[in-house]
Amino acid sequence: MKVKFTLEHWLDDGWYVGRLKEVPGVFSQGETLEELKNDIKEAYQLMMEEEESFTPEMTVSEVELEVEM
């Protein structure tokens, strides 16, 4: 199955650094944009493998937050 994500990236001290916008916590870096894309894919896959192995009982509830704009 293919899933599309938004890769936000920037240059930092000559390195391409990026994150997946839709998946908080998935960051990576590479010397080239292509390397960053490969590394971010690997970081996502590792996160998913870890998440699959950790399956606690969960409770889901709604929460209302007041946010100042």
Protein backbone atom coordinates (compact mmCIF):
# COMPACT_ATOMS: atom_id res chain seq x y z
CA MET A 1 0.00 0.00 0.00
CA LYS A 2 1.31 3.45 -0.87
CA VAL A 3 0.66 6.41 1.40
CA LYS A 4 1.68 9.97 0.56
CA PHE A 5 3.08 12.37 3.13
CA THR A 6 4.31 15.95 2.99
CA LEU A 7 8.07 16.25 3.43
CA GLU A 8 8.99 19.67 4.81
CA HIS A 9 12.72 20.27 4.44
CA TRP A 10 15.34 22.98 4.79
CA LEU A 11 19.10 23.43 4.62
CA ASP A 12 20.98 23.57 7.91
CA ASP A 13 24.75 23.96 7.80
CA GLY A 14 24.89 22.27 4.38
CA TRP A 15 22.61 19.35 5.40
CA TYR A 16 19.09 18.73 4.17
CA VAL A 17 16.92 18.36 7.27
CA GLY A 18 13.29 17.38 7.08
CA ARG A 19 10.19 16.08 8.77
CA LEU A 20 6.94 14.43 7.76
CA LYS A 21 4.26 17.03 8.35
CA GLU A 22 1.50 14.48 8.98
CA VAL A 23 3.57 12.29 11.36
CA PRO A 24 4.91 14.21 14.37
CA GLY A 25 8.29 12.98 15.53
CA VAL A 26 9.60 11.67 12.19
CA PHE A 27 12.69 13.75 11.40
CA SER A 28 15.87 12.96 9.49
CA GLN A 29 18.73 14.52 7.57
CA GLY A 30 20.93 13.82 4.57
CA GLU A 31 23.77 15.31 2.59
CA THR A 32 21.50 15.43 -0.49
CA LEU A 33 17.75 15.76 -0.92
CA GLU A 34 17.64 12.19 -2.28
CA GLU A 35 19.49 10.91 0.81
CA LEU A 36 17.05 12.81 3.04
CA LYS A 37 14.10 11.18 1.26
CA ASN A 38 15.59 7.71 1.76
CA ASP A 39 16.46 8.41 5.40
CA ILE A 40 13.02 9.85 6.22
CA LYS A 41 11.40 6.76 4.70
CA GLU A 42 13.59 4.55 6.89
CA ALA A 43 12.81 6.66 9.98
CA TYR A 44 9.07 6.29 9.28
CA GLN A 45 9.37 2.51 8.81
CA LEU A 46 11.32 2.14 12.06
CA MET A 47 8.73 4.18 13.94
CA MET A 48 5.91 2.03 12.54
CA GLU A 49 7.71 -1.20 13.50
CA GLU A 50 8.21 0.09 17.03
CA GLU A 51 4.59 1.19 17.28
CA GLU A 52 3.35 -2.25 16.13
CA SER A 53 5.35 -3.96 18.87
CA PHE A 54 3.91 -1.66 21.55
CA THR A 55 0.16 -2.15 21.79
CA PRO A 56 -1.17 -1.16 25.23
CA GLU A 57 -4.86 -1.06 26.06
CA MET A 58 -6.09 2.35 25.03
CA THR A 59 -9.03 4.47 25.96
CA VAL A 60 -10.27 7.09 23.52
CA SER A 61 -12.09 10.22 24.62
CA GLU A 62 -12.85 13.64 23.22
CA VAL A 63 -11.36 16.77 24.73
CA GLU A 64 -12.34 20.39 24.17
CA LEU A 65 -9.55 22.96 24.12
CA GLU A 66 -9.78 26.74 24.08
CA VAL A 67 -7.05 28.17 21.87
CA GLU A 68 -6.19 31.84 21.51
CA MET A 69 -5.70 32.94 17.92
